[in-house]
Full PDB file with SEQRES, HELIX, SHEET, SSBOND, CRYST1, ORIGX, SCALE, CONECT and MASTER records, all heavy atoms in Angstrom:
SEQRES   1 A   43  GLY LEU PRO VAL ASP GLN TYR ARG LYS GLN ILE GLY LYS          
SEQRES   2 A   43  GLN ASP TYR LYS LYS THR LYS PRO ALA LEU LYS ALA THR          
SEQRES   3 A   43  ARG LEU LYS ALA GLU ALA LYS LYS TYR SER SER GLY PHE          
SEQRES   4 A   43  LYS ASP ALA PHE                                              
HELIX    1 AA1 PRO A    3  LYS A   17  1                                  15    
HELIX    2 AA2 LYS A   20  ALA A   42  1                                  23    
CRYST1    1.000    1.000    1.000  90.00  90.00  90.00 P 1           1          
ORIGX1      1.000000  0.000000  0.000000        0.00000                         
ORIGX2      0.000000  1.000000  0.000000        0.00000                         
ORIGX3      0.000000  0.000000  1.000000        0.00000                         
SCALE1      1.000000  0.000000  0.000000        0.00000                         
SCALE2      0.000000  1.000000  0.000000        0.00000                         
SCALE3      0.000000  0.000000  1.000000        0.00000                         
ATOM      1  N   GLY A   1     105.563 143.173 117.332  1.00  0.00           N  
ATOM      2  CA  GLY A   1     106.563 142.111 117.254  1.00  0.00           C  
ATOM      3  C   GLY A   1     107.055 141.917 115.837  1.00  0.00           C  
ATOM      4  O   GLY A   1     106.495 142.437 114.874  1.00  0.00           O  
ATOM      5  N   LEU A   2     108.101 141.140 115.724  1.00  0.00           N  
ATOM      6  CA  LEU A   2     108.667 140.852 114.416  1.00  0.00           C  
ATOM      7  C   LEU A   2     107.875 139.743 113.732  1.00  0.00           C  
ATOM      8  O   LEU A   2     107.334 138.862 114.408  1.00  0.00           O  
ATOM      9  CB  LEU A   2     110.125 140.412 114.565  1.00  0.00           C  
ATOM     10  CG  LEU A   2     111.092 141.455 115.120  1.00  0.00           C  
ATOM     11  CD1 LEU A   2     112.446 140.836 115.386  1.00  0.00           C  
ATOM     12  CD2 LEU A   2     111.236 142.616 114.154  1.00  0.00           C  
ATOM     13  N   PRO A   3     107.813 139.753 112.424  1.00  0.00           N  
ATOM     14  CA  PRO A   3     107.120 138.663 111.726  1.00  0.00           C  
ATOM     15  C   PRO A   3     107.750 137.304 112.009  1.00  0.00           C  
ATOM     16  O   PRO A   3     107.062 136.292 112.051  1.00  0.00           O  
ATOM     17  CB  PRO A   3     107.266 139.029 110.250  1.00  0.00           C  
ATOM     18  CG  PRO A   3     107.577 140.474 110.215  1.00  0.00           C  
ATOM     19  CD  PRO A   3     108.247 140.804 111.513  1.00  0.00           C  
ATOM     20  N   VAL A   4     109.058 137.293 112.246  1.00  0.00           N  
ATOM     21  CA  VAL A   4     109.733 136.034 112.534  1.00  0.00           C  
ATOM     22  C   VAL A   4     109.234 135.456 113.860  1.00  0.00           C  
ATOM     23  O   VAL A   4     108.979 134.255 113.981  1.00  0.00           O  
ATOM     24  CB  VAL A   4     111.267 136.242 112.565  1.00  0.00           C  
ATOM     25  CG1 VAL A   4     111.982 134.990 113.014  1.00  0.00           C  
ATOM     26  CG2 VAL A   4     111.765 136.690 111.211  1.00  0.00           C  
ATOM     27  N   ASP A   5     109.082 136.332 114.863  1.00  0.00           N  
ATOM     28  CA  ASP A   5     108.588 135.867 116.159  1.00  0.00           C  
ATOM     29  C   ASP A   5     107.159 135.343 116.056  1.00  0.00           C  
ATOM     30  O   ASP A   5     106.811 134.339 116.676  1.00  0.00           O  
ATOM     31  CB  ASP A   5     108.655 136.999 117.188  1.00  0.00           C  
ATOM     32  CG  ASP A   5     110.086 137.368 117.547  1.00  0.00           C  
ATOM     33  OD1 ASP A   5     110.970 136.483 117.417  1.00  0.00           O  
ATOM     34  OD2 ASP A   5     110.313 138.526 117.943  1.00  0.00           O  
ATOM     35  N   GLN A   6     106.337 136.014 115.261  1.00  0.00           N  
ATOM     36  CA  GLN A   6     104.960 135.550 115.070  1.00  0.00           C  
ATOM     37  C   GLN A   6     104.956 134.191 114.374  1.00  0.00           C  
ATOM     38  O   GLN A   6     104.179 133.306 114.738  1.00  0.00           O  
ATOM     39  CB  GLN A   6     104.173 136.569 114.245  1.00  0.00           C  
ATOM     40  CG  GLN A   6     103.951 137.880 114.974  1.00  0.00           C  
ATOM     41  CD  GLN A   6     103.327 138.934 114.072  1.00  0.00           C  
ATOM     42  OE1 GLN A   6     103.177 138.731 112.877  1.00  0.00           O  
ATOM     43  NE2 GLN A   6     102.965 140.070 114.659  1.00  0.00           N  
ATOM     44  N   TYR A   7     105.828 134.016 113.420  1.00  0.00           N  
ATOM     45  CA  TYR A   7     105.938 132.734 112.711  1.00  0.00           C  
ATOM     46  C   TYR A   7     106.366 131.637 113.670  1.00  0.00           C  
ATOM     47  O   TYR A   7     105.815 130.539 113.663  1.00  0.00           O  
ATOM     48  CB  TYR A   7     106.934 132.876 111.556  1.00  0.00           C  
ATOM     49  CG  TYR A   7     107.228 131.587 110.844  1.00  0.00           C  
ATOM     50  CD1 TYR A   7     106.298 131.028 109.975  1.00  0.00           C  
ATOM     51  CD2 TYR A   7     108.425 130.917 111.047  1.00  0.00           C  
ATOM     52  CE1 TYR A   7     106.566 129.842 109.317  1.00  0.00           C  
ATOM     53  CE2 TYR A   7     108.703 129.731 110.398  1.00  0.00           C  
ATOM     54  CZ  TYR A   7     107.767 129.202 109.534  1.00  0.00           C  
ATOM     55  OH  TYR A   7     108.028 128.025 108.901  1.00  0.00           O  
ATOM     56  N   ARG A   8     107.341 131.930 114.512  1.00  0.00           N  
ATOM     57  CA  ARG A   8     107.814 130.929 115.472  1.00  0.00           C  
ATOM     58  C   ARG A   8     106.716 130.548 116.457  1.00  0.00           C  
ATOM     59  O   ARG A   8     106.574 129.378 116.816  1.00  0.00           O  
ATOM     60  CB  ARG A   8     109.032 131.456 116.223  1.00  0.00           C  
ATOM     61  CG  ARG A   8     110.271 131.514 115.366  1.00  0.00           C  
ATOM     62  CD  ARG A   8     111.442 132.063 116.127  1.00  0.00           C  
ATOM     63  NE  ARG A   8     112.618 132.127 115.268  1.00  0.00           N  
ATOM     64  CZ  ARG A   8     113.650 132.906 115.478  1.00  0.00           C  
ATOM     65  NH1 ARG A   8     113.688 133.690 116.529  1.00  0.00           N  
ATOM     66  NH2 ARG A   8     114.669 132.889 114.649  1.00  0.00           N  
ATOM     67  N   LYS A   9     105.943 131.511 116.888  1.00  0.00           N  
ATOM     68  CA  LYS A   9     104.827 131.205 117.788  1.00  0.00           C  
ATOM     69  C   LYS A   9     103.815 130.298 117.105  1.00  0.00           C  
ATOM     70  O   LYS A   9     103.297 129.357 117.705  1.00  0.00           O  
ATOM     71  CB  LYS A   9     104.140 132.494 118.247  1.00  0.00           C  
ATOM     72  CG  LYS A   9     104.884 133.236 119.318  1.00  0.00           C  
ATOM     73  CD  LYS A   9     104.099 134.457 119.754  1.00  0.00           C  
ATOM     74  CE  LYS A   9     104.836 135.253 120.786  1.00  0.00           C  
ATOM     75  NZ  LYS A   9     104.094 136.464 121.182  1.00  0.00           N  
ATOM     76  N   GLN A  10     103.529 130.586 115.850  1.00  0.00           N  
ATOM     77  CA  GLN A  10     102.560 129.778 115.103  1.00  0.00           C  
ATOM     78  C   GLN A  10     103.065 128.351 114.932  1.00  0.00           C  
ATOM     79  O   GLN A  10     102.321 127.390 115.131  1.00  0.00           O  
ATOM     80  CB  GLN A  10     102.294 130.421 113.748  1.00  0.00           C  
ATOM     81  CG  GLN A  10     101.290 129.668 112.904  1.00  0.00           C  
ATOM     82  CD  GLN A  10     101.102 130.294 111.531  1.00  0.00           C  
ATOM     83  OE1 GLN A  10     101.793 131.250 111.181  1.00  0.00           O  
ATOM     84  NE2 GLN A  10     100.177 129.768 110.756  1.00  0.00           N  
ATOM     85  N   ILE A  11     104.340 128.183 114.601  1.00  0.00           N  
ATOM     86  CA  ILE A  11     104.912 126.851 114.436  1.00  0.00           C  
ATOM     87  C   ILE A  11     104.912 126.113 115.763  1.00  0.00           C  
ATOM     88  O   ILE A  11     104.615 124.923 115.825  1.00  0.00           O  
ATOM     89  CB  ILE A  11     106.350 126.947 113.851  1.00  0.00           C  
ATOM     90  CG1 ILE A  11     106.316 127.534 112.452  1.00  0.00           C  
ATOM     91  CG2 ILE A  11     107.036 125.589 113.858  1.00  0.00           C  
ATOM     92  CD1 ILE A  11     105.535 126.720 111.453  1.00  0.00           C  
ATOM     93  N   GLY A  12     105.247 126.809 116.840  1.00  0.00           N  
ATOM     94  CA  GLY A  12     105.229 126.201 118.167  1.00  0.00           C  
ATOM     95  C   GLY A  12     103.842 125.704 118.535  1.00  0.00           C  
ATOM     96  O   GLY A  12     103.685 124.628 119.113  1.00  0.00           O  
ATOM     97  N   LYS A  13     102.836 126.457 118.208  1.00  0.00           N  
ATOM     98  CA  LYS A  13     101.463 126.033 118.501  1.00  0.00           C  
ATOM     99  C   LYS A  13     101.091 124.800 117.683  1.00  0.00           C  
ATOM    100  O   LYS A  13     100.395 123.911 118.160  1.00  0.00           O  
ATOM    101  CB  LYS A  13     100.484 127.170 118.199  1.00  0.00           C  
ATOM    102  CG  LYS A  13     100.550 128.310 119.198  1.00  0.00           C  
ATOM    103  CD  LYS A  13      99.603 129.426 118.812  1.00  0.00           C  
ATOM    104  CE  LYS A  13      99.744 130.599 119.749  1.00  0.00           C  
ATOM    105  NZ  LYS A  13      98.897 131.728 119.344  1.00  0.00           N  
ATOM    106  N   GLN A  14     101.565 124.721 116.461  1.00  0.00           N  
ATOM    107  CA  GLN A  14     101.278 123.551 115.635  1.00  0.00           C  
ATOM    108  C   GLN A  14     101.961 122.312 116.195  1.00  0.00           C  
ATOM    109  O   GLN A  14     101.420 121.215 116.137  1.00  0.00           O  
ATOM    110  CB  GLN A  14     101.736 123.797 114.196  1.00  0.00           C  
ATOM    111  CG  GLN A  14     100.887 124.808 113.461  1.00  0.00           C  
ATOM    112  CD  GLN A  14     101.419 125.098 112.072  1.00  0.00           C  
ATOM    113  OE1 GLN A  14     102.407 124.530 111.648  1.00  0.00           O  
ATOM    114  NE2 GLN A  14     100.762 126.018 111.369  1.00  0.00           N  
ATOM    115  N   ASP A  15     103.171 122.477 116.755  1.00  0.00           N  
ATOM    116  CA  ASP A  15     103.883 121.343 117.324  1.00  0.00           C  
ATOM    117  C   ASP A  15     103.187 120.798 118.560  1.00  0.00           C  
ATOM    118  O   ASP A  15     103.241 119.608 118.837  1.00  0.00           O  
ATOM    119  CB  ASP A  15     105.331 121.717 117.662  1.00  0.00           C  
ATOM    120  CG  ASP A  15     106.219 121.734 116.424  1.00  0.00           C  
ATOM    121  OD1 ASP A  15     105.779 121.211 115.385  1.00  0.00           O  
ATOM    122  OD2 ASP A  15     107.340 122.251 116.513  1.00  0.00           O  
ATOM    123  N   TYR A  16     102.546 121.650 119.333  1.00  0.00           N  
ATOM    124  CA  TYR A  16     101.835 121.176 120.522  1.00  0.00           C  
ATOM    125  C   TYR A  16     100.654 120.284 120.144  1.00  0.00           C  
ATOM    126  O   TYR A  16     100.255 119.416 120.908  1.00  0.00           O  
ATOM    127  CB  TYR A  16     101.330 122.345 121.371  1.00  0.00           C  
ATOM    128  CG  TYR A  16     102.430 123.040 122.121  1.00  0.00           C  
ATOM    129  CD1 TYR A  16     102.649 124.401 121.969  1.00  0.00           C  
ATOM    130  CD2 TYR A  16     103.264 122.331 122.990  1.00  0.00           C  
ATOM    131  CE1 TYR A  16     103.655 125.038 122.667  1.00  0.00           C  
ATOM    132  CE2 TYR A  16     104.277 122.953 123.680  1.00  0.00           C  
ATOM    133  CZ  TYR A  16     104.472 124.307 123.521  1.00  0.00           C  
ATOM    134  OH  TYR A  16     105.477 124.927 124.211  1.00  0.00           O  
ATOM    135  N   LYS A  17     100.122 120.479 118.964  1.00  0.00           N  
ATOM    136  CA  LYS A  17      98.983 119.675 118.524  1.00  0.00           C  
ATOM    137  C   LYS A  17      99.399 118.258 118.124  1.00  0.00           C  
ATOM    138  O   LYS A  17      98.585 117.351 118.106  1.00  0.00           O  
ATOM    139  CB  LYS A  17      98.296 120.350 117.333  1.00  0.00           C  
ATOM    140  CG  LYS A  17      97.650 121.676 117.669  1.00  0.00           C  
ATOM    141  CD  LYS A  17      97.088 122.325 116.420  1.00  0.00           C  
ATOM    142  CE  LYS A  17      96.557 123.709 116.708  1.00  0.00           C  
ATOM    143  NZ  LYS A  17      96.103 124.381 115.498  1.00  0.00           N  
ATOM    144  N   LYS A  18     100.685 118.070 117.814  1.00  0.00           N  
ATOM    145  CA  LYS A  18     101.151 116.768 117.357  1.00  0.00           C  
ATOM    146  C   LYS A  18     101.361 115.822 118.536  1.00  0.00           C  
ATOM    147  O   LYS A  18     101.605 116.240 119.655  1.00  0.00           O  
ATOM    148  CB  LYS A  18     102.474 116.919 116.602  1.00  0.00           C  
ATOM    149  CG  LYS A  18     102.358 117.683 115.312  1.00  0.00           C  
ATOM    150  CD  LYS A  18     103.709 117.781 114.645  1.00  0.00           C  
ATOM    151  CE  LYS A  18     103.637 118.575 113.354  1.00  0.00           C  
ATOM    152  NZ  LYS A  18     104.963 118.719 112.753  1.00  0.00           N  
ATOM    153  N   THR A  19     101.315 114.545 118.235  1.00  0.00           N  
ATOM    154  CA  THR A  19     101.570 113.543 119.268  1.00  0.00           C  
ATOM    155  C   THR A  19     103.076 113.331 119.404  1.00  0.00           C  
ATOM    156  O   THR A  19     103.854 113.726 118.544  1.00  0.00           O  
ATOM    157  CB  THR A  19     100.900 112.204 118.892  1.00  0.00           C  
ATOM    158  OG1 THR A  19     101.470 111.743 117.664  1.00  0.00           O  
ATOM    159  CG2 THR A  19      99.394 112.379 118.743  1.00  0.00           C  
ATOM    160  N   LYS A  20     103.485 112.697 120.479  1.00  0.00           N  
ATOM    161  CA  LYS A  20     104.916 112.479 120.718  1.00  0.00           C  
ATOM    162  C   LYS A  20     105.578 111.637 119.623  1.00  0.00           C  
ATOM    163  O   LYS A  20     106.668 111.971 119.177  1.00  0.00           O  
ATOM    164  CB  LYS A  20     105.140 111.840 122.092  1.00  0.00           C  
ATOM    165  CG  LYS A  20     105.053 112.838 123.216  1.00  0.00           C  
ATOM    166  CD  LYS A  20     105.528 112.216 124.514  1.00  0.00           C  
ATOM    167  CE  LYS A  20     105.514 113.259 125.617  1.00  0.00           C  
ATOM    168  NZ  LYS A  20     106.073 112.741 126.854  1.00  0.00           N  
ATOM    169  N   PRO A  21     104.956 110.555 119.174  1.00  0.00           N  
ATOM    170  CA  PRO A  21     105.605 109.795 118.086  1.00  0.00           C  
ATOM    171  C   PRO A  21     105.766 110.614 116.803  1.00  0.00           C  
ATOM    172  O   PRO A  21     106.776 110.486 116.106  1.00  0.00           O  
ATOM    173  CB  PRO A  21     104.677 108.607 117.862  1.00  0.00           C  
ATOM    174  CG  PRO A  21     103.933 108.450 119.140  1.00  0.00           C  
ATOM    175  CD  PRO A  21     103.801 109.828 119.696  1.00  0.00           C  
ATOM    176  N   ALA A  22     104.804 111.466 116.510  1.00  0.00           N  
ATOM    177  CA  ALA A  22     104.904 112.299 115.309  1.00  0.00           C  
ATOM    178  C   ALA A  22     106.029 113.315 115.459  1.00  0.00           C  
ATOM    179  O   ALA A  22     106.780 113.570 114.512  1.00  0.00           O  
ATOM    180  CB  ALA A  22     103.590 113.011 115.042  1.00  0.00           C  
ATOM    181  N   LEU A  23     106.181 113.898 116.648  1.00  0.00           N  
ATOM    182  CA  LEU A  23     107.265 114.845 116.885  1.00  0.00           C  
ATOM    183  C   LEU A  23     108.627 114.147 116.792  1.00  0.00           C  
ATOM    184  O   LEU A  23     109.576 114.688 116.233  1.00  0.00           O  
ATOM    185  CB  LEU A  23     107.119 115.503 118.265  1.00  0.00           C  
ATOM    186  CG  LEU A  23     106.012 116.545 118.397  1.00  0.00           C  
ATOM    187  CD1 LEU A  23     105.855 116.957 119.852  1.00  0.00           C  
ATOM    188  CD2 LEU A  23     106.324 117.747 117.544  1.00  0.00           C  
ATOM    189  N   LYS A  24     108.695 112.939 117.339  1.00  0.00           N  
ATOM    190  CA  LYS A  24     109.944 112.186 117.302  1.00  0.00           C  
ATOM    191  C   LYS A  24     110.310 111.836 115.863  1.00  0.00           C  
ATOM    192  O   LYS A  24     111.478 111.947 115.462  1.00  0.00           O  
ATOM    193  CB  LYS A  24     109.817 110.924 118.142  1.00  0.00           C  
ATOM    194  CG  LYS A  24     111.104 110.172 118.303  1.00  0.00           C  
ATOM    195  CD  LYS A  24     110.939 108.995 119.238  1.00  0.00           C  
ATOM    196  CE  LYS A  24     112.250 108.261 119.430  1.00  0.00           C  
ATOM    197  NZ  LYS A  24     112.132 107.109 120.318  1.00  0.00           N  
ATOM    198  N   ALA A  25     109.332 111.433 115.081  1.00  0.00           N  
ATOM    199  CA  ALA A  25     109.583 111.091 113.686  1.00  0.00           C  
ATOM    200  C   ALA A  25     110.049 112.317 112.901  1.00  0.00           C  
ATOM    201  O   ALA A  25     110.974 112.230 112.078  1.00  0.00           O  
ATOM    202  CB  ALA A  25     108.324 110.511 113.048  1.00  0.00           C  
ATOM    203  N   THR A  26     109.455 113.464 113.170  1.00  0.00           N  
ATOM    204  CA  THR A  26     109.855 114.697 112.495  1.00  0.00           C  
ATOM    205  C   THR A  26     111.280 115.068 112.861  1.00  0.00           C  
ATOM    206  O   THR A  26     112.076 115.456 112.008  1.00  0.00           O  
ATOM    207  CB  THR A  26     108.904 115.850 112.872  1.00  0.00           C  
ATOM    208  OG1 THR A  26     107.572 115.465 112.557  1.00  0.00           O  
ATOM    209  CG2 THR A  26     109.242 117.113 112.125  1.00  0.00           C  
ATOM    210  N   ARG A  27     111.626 114.927 114.135  1.00  0.00           N  
ATOM    211  CA  ARG A  27     112.973 115.256 114.595  1.00  0.00           C  
ATOM    212  C   ARG A  27     114.004 114.309 113.976  1.00  0.00           C  
ATOM    213  O   ARG A  27     115.061 114.741 113.509  1.00  0.00           O  
ATOM    214  CB  ARG A  27     113.041 115.177 116.123  1.00  0.00           C  
ATOM    215  CG  ARG A  27     114.404 115.551 116.687  1.00  0.00           C  
ATOM    216  CD  ARG A  27     114.400 115.565 118.205  1.00  0.00           C  
ATOM    217  NE  ARG A  27     113.839 114.364 118.793  1.00  0.00           N  
ATOM    218  CZ  ARG A  27     114.529 113.253 119.044  1.00  0.00           C  
ATOM    219  NH1 ARG A  27     115.796 113.191 118.751  1.00  0.00           N  
ATOM    220  NH2 ARG A  27     113.946 112.209 119.596  1.00  0.00           N  
ATOM    221  N   LEU A  28     113.689 113.013 113.944  1.00  0.00           N  
ATOM    222  CA  LEU A  28     114.615 112.042 113.356  1.00  0.00           C  
ATOM    223  C   LEU A  28     114.811 112.279 111.861  1.00  0.00           C  
ATOM    224  O   LEU A  28     115.916 112.129 111.335  1.00  0.00           O  
ATOM    225  CB  LEU A  28     114.117 110.622 113.613  1.00  0.00           C  
ATOM    226  CG  LEU A  28     114.187 110.148 115.068  1.00  0.00           C  
ATOM    227  CD1 LEU A  28     113.520 108.779 115.209  1.00  0.00           C  
ATOM    228  CD2 LEU A  28     115.619 110.096 115.550  1.00  0.00           C  
ATOM    229  N   LYS A  29     113.734 112.652 111.191  1.00  0.00           N  
ATOM    230  CA  LYS A  29     113.815 112.931 109.757  1.00  0.00           C  
ATOM    231  C   LYS A  29     114.705 114.150 109.496  1.00  0.00           C  
ATOM    232  O   LYS A  29     115.526 114.146 108.572  1.00  0.00           O  
ATOM    233  CB  LYS A  29     112.411 113.169 109.210  1.00  0.00           C  
ATOM    234  CG  LYS A  29     112.342 113.329 107.722  1.00  0.00           C  
ATOM    235  CD  LYS A  29     110.896 113.478 107.278  1.00  0.00           C  
ATOM    236  CE  LYS A  29     110.795 113.661 105.786  1.00  0.00           C  
ATOM    237  NZ  LYS A  29     109.423 113.867 105.348  1.00  0.00           N  
ATOM    238  N   ALA A  30     114.574 115.175 110.321  1.00  0.00           N  
ATOM    239  CA  ALA A  30     115.393 116.379 110.168  1.00  0.00           C  
ATOM    240  C   ALA A  30     116.865 116.073 110.445  1.00  0.00           C  
ATOM    241  O   ALA A  30     117.756 116.559 109.742  1.00  0.00           O  
ATOM    242  CB  ALA A  30     114.891 117.477 111.093  1.00  0.00           C  
ATOM    243  N   GLU A  31     117.127 115.269 111.459  1.00  0.00           N  
ATOM    244  CA  GLU A  31     118.515 114.909 111.780  1.00  0.00           C  
ATOM    245  C   GLU A  31     119.133 114.062 110.664  1.00  0.00           C  
ATOM    246  O   GLU A  31     120.299 114.249 110.309  1.00  0.00           O  
ATOM    247  CB  GLU A  31     118.582 114.154 113.101  1.00  0.00           C  
ATOM    248  CG  GLU A  31     118.356 115.024 114.316  1.00  0.00           C  
ATOM    249  CD  GLU A  31     118.366 114.239 115.611  1.00  0.00           C  
ATOM    250  OE1 GLU A  31     118.527 113.004 115.566  1.00  0.00           O  
ATOM    251  OE2 GLU A  31     118.214 114.865 116.667  1.00  0.00           O  
ATOM    252  N   ALA A  32     118.365 113.135 110.119  1.00  0.00           N  
ATOM    253  CA  ALA A  32     118.877 112.294 109.032  1.00  0.00           C  
ATOM    254  C   ALA A  32     119.198 113.146 107.810  1.00  0.00           C  
ATOM    255  O   ALA A  32     120.206 112.923 107.133  1.00  0.00           O  
ATOM    256  CB  ALA A  32     117.862 111.220 108.681  1.00  0.00           C  
ATOM    257  N   LYS A  33     118.369 114.121 107.537  1.00  0.00           N  
ATOM    258  CA  LYS A  33     118.601 114.997 106.391  1.00  0.00           C  
ATOM    259  C   LYS A  33     119.857 115.837 106.609  1.00  0.00           C  
ATOM    260  O   LYS A  33     120.642 116.053 105.693  1.00  0.00           O  
ATOM    261  CB  LYS A  33     117.392 115.910 106.186  1.00  0.00           C  
ATOM    262  CG  LYS A  33     117.452 116.744 104.958  1.00  0.00           C  
ATOM    263  CD  LYS A  33     116.176 117.539 104.783  1.00  0.00           C  
ATOM    264  CE  LYS A  33     116.205 118.371 103.524  1.00  0.00           C  
ATOM    265  NZ  LYS A  33     114.998 119.167 103.361  1.00  0.00           N  
ATOM    266  N   LYS A  34     120.072 116.287 107.845  1.00  0.00           N  
ATOM    267  CA  LYS A  34     121.230 117.107 108.157  1.00  0.00           C  
ATOM    268  C   LYS A  34     122.524 116.307 108.003  1.00  0.00           C  
ATOM    269  O   LYS A  34     123.507 116.787 107.466  1.00  0.00           O  
ATOM    270  CB  LYS A  34     121.119 117.652 109.585  1.00  0.00           C  
ATOM    271  CG  LYS A  34     122.268 118.572 109.988  1.00  0.00           C  
ATOM    272  CD  LYS A  34     122.042 119.219 111.326  1.00  0.00           C  
ATOM    273  CE  LYS A  34     122.152 118.215 112.434  1.00  0.00           C  
ATOM    274  NZ  LYS A  34     122.119 118.824 113.771  1.00  0.00           N  
ATOM    275  N   TYR A  35     122.542 115.070 108.475  1.00  0.00           N  
ATOM    276  CA  TYR A  35     123.756 114.267 108.431  1.00  0.00           C  
ATOM    277  C   TYR A  35     124.007 113.673 107.040  1.00  0.00           C  
ATOM    278  O   TYR A  35     125.143 113.415 106.690  1.00  0.00           O  
ATOM    279  CB  TYR A  35     123.705 113.142 109.463  1.00  0.00           C  
ATOM    280  CG  TYR A  35     123.784 113.653 110.881  1.00  0.00           C  
ATOM    281  CD1 TYR A  35     122.823 113.312 111.821  1.00  0.00           C  
ATOM    282  CD2 TYR A  35     124.819 114.485 111.281  1.00  0.00           C  
ATOM    283  CE1 TYR A  35     122.894 113.784 113.114  1.00  0.00           C  
ATOM    284  CE2 TYR A  35     124.894 114.958 112.571  1.00  0.00           C  
ATOM    285  CZ  TYR A  35     123.933 114.613 113.492  1.00  0.00           C  
ATOM    286  OH  TYR A  35     124.002 115.082 114.764  1.00  0.00           O  
ATOM    287  N   SER A  36     122.975 113.455 106.269  1.00  0.00           N  
ATOM    288  CA  SER A  36     123.166 112.839 104.955  1.00  0.00           C  
ATOM    289  C   SER A  36     123.878 113.774 103.994  1.00  0.00           C  
ATOM    290  O   SER A  36     124.551 113.315 103.081  1.00  0.00           O  
ATOM    291  CB  SER A  36     121.827 112.410 104.371  1.00  0.00           C  
ATOM    292  OG  SER A  36     121.052 113.543 104.047  1.00  0.00           O  
ATOM    293  N   SER A  37     123.751 115.082 104.175  1.00  0.00           N  
ATOM    294  CA  SER A  37     124.425 116.005 103.271  1.00  0.00           C  
ATOM    295  C   SER A  37     125.939 115.900 103.415  1.00  0.00           C  
ATOM    296  O   SER A  37     126.671 116.087 102.440  1.00  0.00           O  
ATOM    297  CB  SER A  37     123.959 117.440 103.522  1.00  0.00           C  
ATOM    298  OG  SER A  37     124.397 117.874 104.793  1.00  0.00           O  
ATOM    299  N   GLY A  38     126.440 115.585 104.619  1.00  0.00           N  
ATOM    300  CA  GLY A  38     127.873 115.407 104.819  1.00  0.00           C  
ATOM    301  C   GLY A  38     128.402 114.210 104.066  1.00  0.00           C  
ATOM    302  O   GLY A  38     129.470 114.258 103.450  1.00  0.00           O  
ATOM    303  N   PHE A  39     127.668 113.105 104.095  1.00  0.00           N  
ATOM    304  CA  PHE A  39     128.066 111.913 103.356  1.00  0.00           C  
ATOM    305  C   PHE A  39     128.013 112.166 101.857  1.00  0.00           C  
ATOM    306  O   PHE A  39     128.878 111.712 101.099  1.00  0.00           O  
ATOM    307  CB  PHE A  39     127.172 110.723 103.709  1.00  0.00           C  
ATOM    308  CG  PHE A  39     127.330 110.269 105.132  1.00  0.00           C  
ATOM    309  CD1 PHE A  39     126.240 110.246 105.987  1.00  0.00           C  
ATOM    310  CD2 PHE A  39     128.559 109.870 105.619  1.00  0.00           C  
ATOM    311  CE1 PHE A  39     126.379 109.828 107.287  1.00  0.00           C  
ATOM    312  CE2 PHE A  39     128.713 109.449 106.921  1.00  0.00           C  
ATOM    313  CZ  PHE A  39     127.621 109.433 107.762  1.00  0.00           C  
ATOM    314  N   LYS A  40     127.020 112.898 101.430  1.00  0.00           N  
ATOM    315  CA  LYS A  40     126.875 113.200 100.007  1.00  0.00           C  
ATOM    316  C   LYS A  40     128.049 114.046  99.525  1.00  0.00           C  
ATOM    317  O   LYS A  40     128.616 113.779  98.459  1.00  0.00           O  
ATOM    318  CB  LYS A  40     125.551 113.941  99.787  1.00  0.00           C  
ATOM    319  CG  LYS A  40     125.212 114.205  98.353  1.00  0.00           C  
ATOM    320  CD  LYS A  40     123.858 114.880  98.250  1.00  0.00           C  
ATOM    321  CE  LYS A  40     123.470 115.141  96.828  1.00  0.00           C  
ATOM    322  NZ  LYS A  40     122.177 115.818  96.725  1.00  0.00           N  
ATOM    323  N   ASP A  41     128.436 115.050 100.322  1.00  0.00           N  
ATOM    324  CA  ASP A  41     129.564 115.894  99.942  1.00  0.00           C  
ATOM    325  C   ASP A  41     130.861 115.094  99.900  1.00  0.00           C  
ATOM    326  O   ASP A  41     131.665 115.259  98.982  1.00  0.00           O  
ATOM    327  CB  ASP A  41     129.702 117.065 100.914  1.00  0.00           C  
ATOM    328  CG  ASP A  41     128.554 118.054 100.804  1.00  0.00           C  
ATOM    329  OD1 ASP A  41     127.847 118.020  99.777  1.00  0.00           O  
ATOM    330  OD2 ASP A  41     128.361 118.850 101.745  1.00  0.00           O  
ATOM    331  N   ALA A  42     131.069 114.232 100.884  1.00  0.00           N  
ATOM    332  CA  ALA A  42     132.281 113.414 100.921  1.00  0.00           C  
ATOM    333  C   ALA A  42     132.330 112.484  99.712  1.00  0.00           C  
ATOM    334  O   ALA A  42     133.387 112.306  99.091  1.00  0.00           O  
ATOM    335  CB  ALA A  42     132.345 112.616 102.216  1.00  0.00           C  
ATOM    336  N   PHE A  43     131.214 111.903  99.370  1.00  0.00           N  
ATOM    337  CA  PHE A  43     131.149 111.018  98.202  1.00  0.00           C  
ATOM    338  C   PHE A  43     131.476 111.778  96.921  1.00  0.00           C  
ATOM    339  O   PHE A  43     132.204 111.274  96.056  1.00  0.00           O  
ATOM    340  CB  PHE A  43     129.762 110.370  98.094  1.00  0.00           C  
ATOM    341  CG  PHE A  43     129.595 109.524  96.870  1.00  0.00           C  
ATOM    342  CD1 PHE A  43     130.202 108.289  96.771  1.00  0.00           C  
ATOM    343  CD2 PHE A  43     128.849 109.988  95.795  1.00  0.00           C  
ATOM    344  CE1 PHE A  43     130.061 107.509  95.635  1.00  0.00           C  
ATOM    345  CE2 PHE A  43     128.695 109.227  94.650  1.00  0.00           C  
ATOM    346  CZ  PHE A  43     129.311 107.982  94.575  1.00  0.00           C  
TER     347      PHE A  43                                                      
MASTER        0    0    0    2    0    0    0    6  346    1    0    4          
END                                                                             
C-alpha cells in the first residue's frame, strides 16, 4: 500500500478512540480555522 493510505488508516484508528464531544470540538476548531482565513484575507 501507499504510505498515505497507511497514514490515513492510523489517523482513522486514533479518531475511533476519541469521544464524541472531543471529535465535535476538533471538527469545529478545523472549520473555524478554515473560515477565519477568508475574513483575514478580506481585512
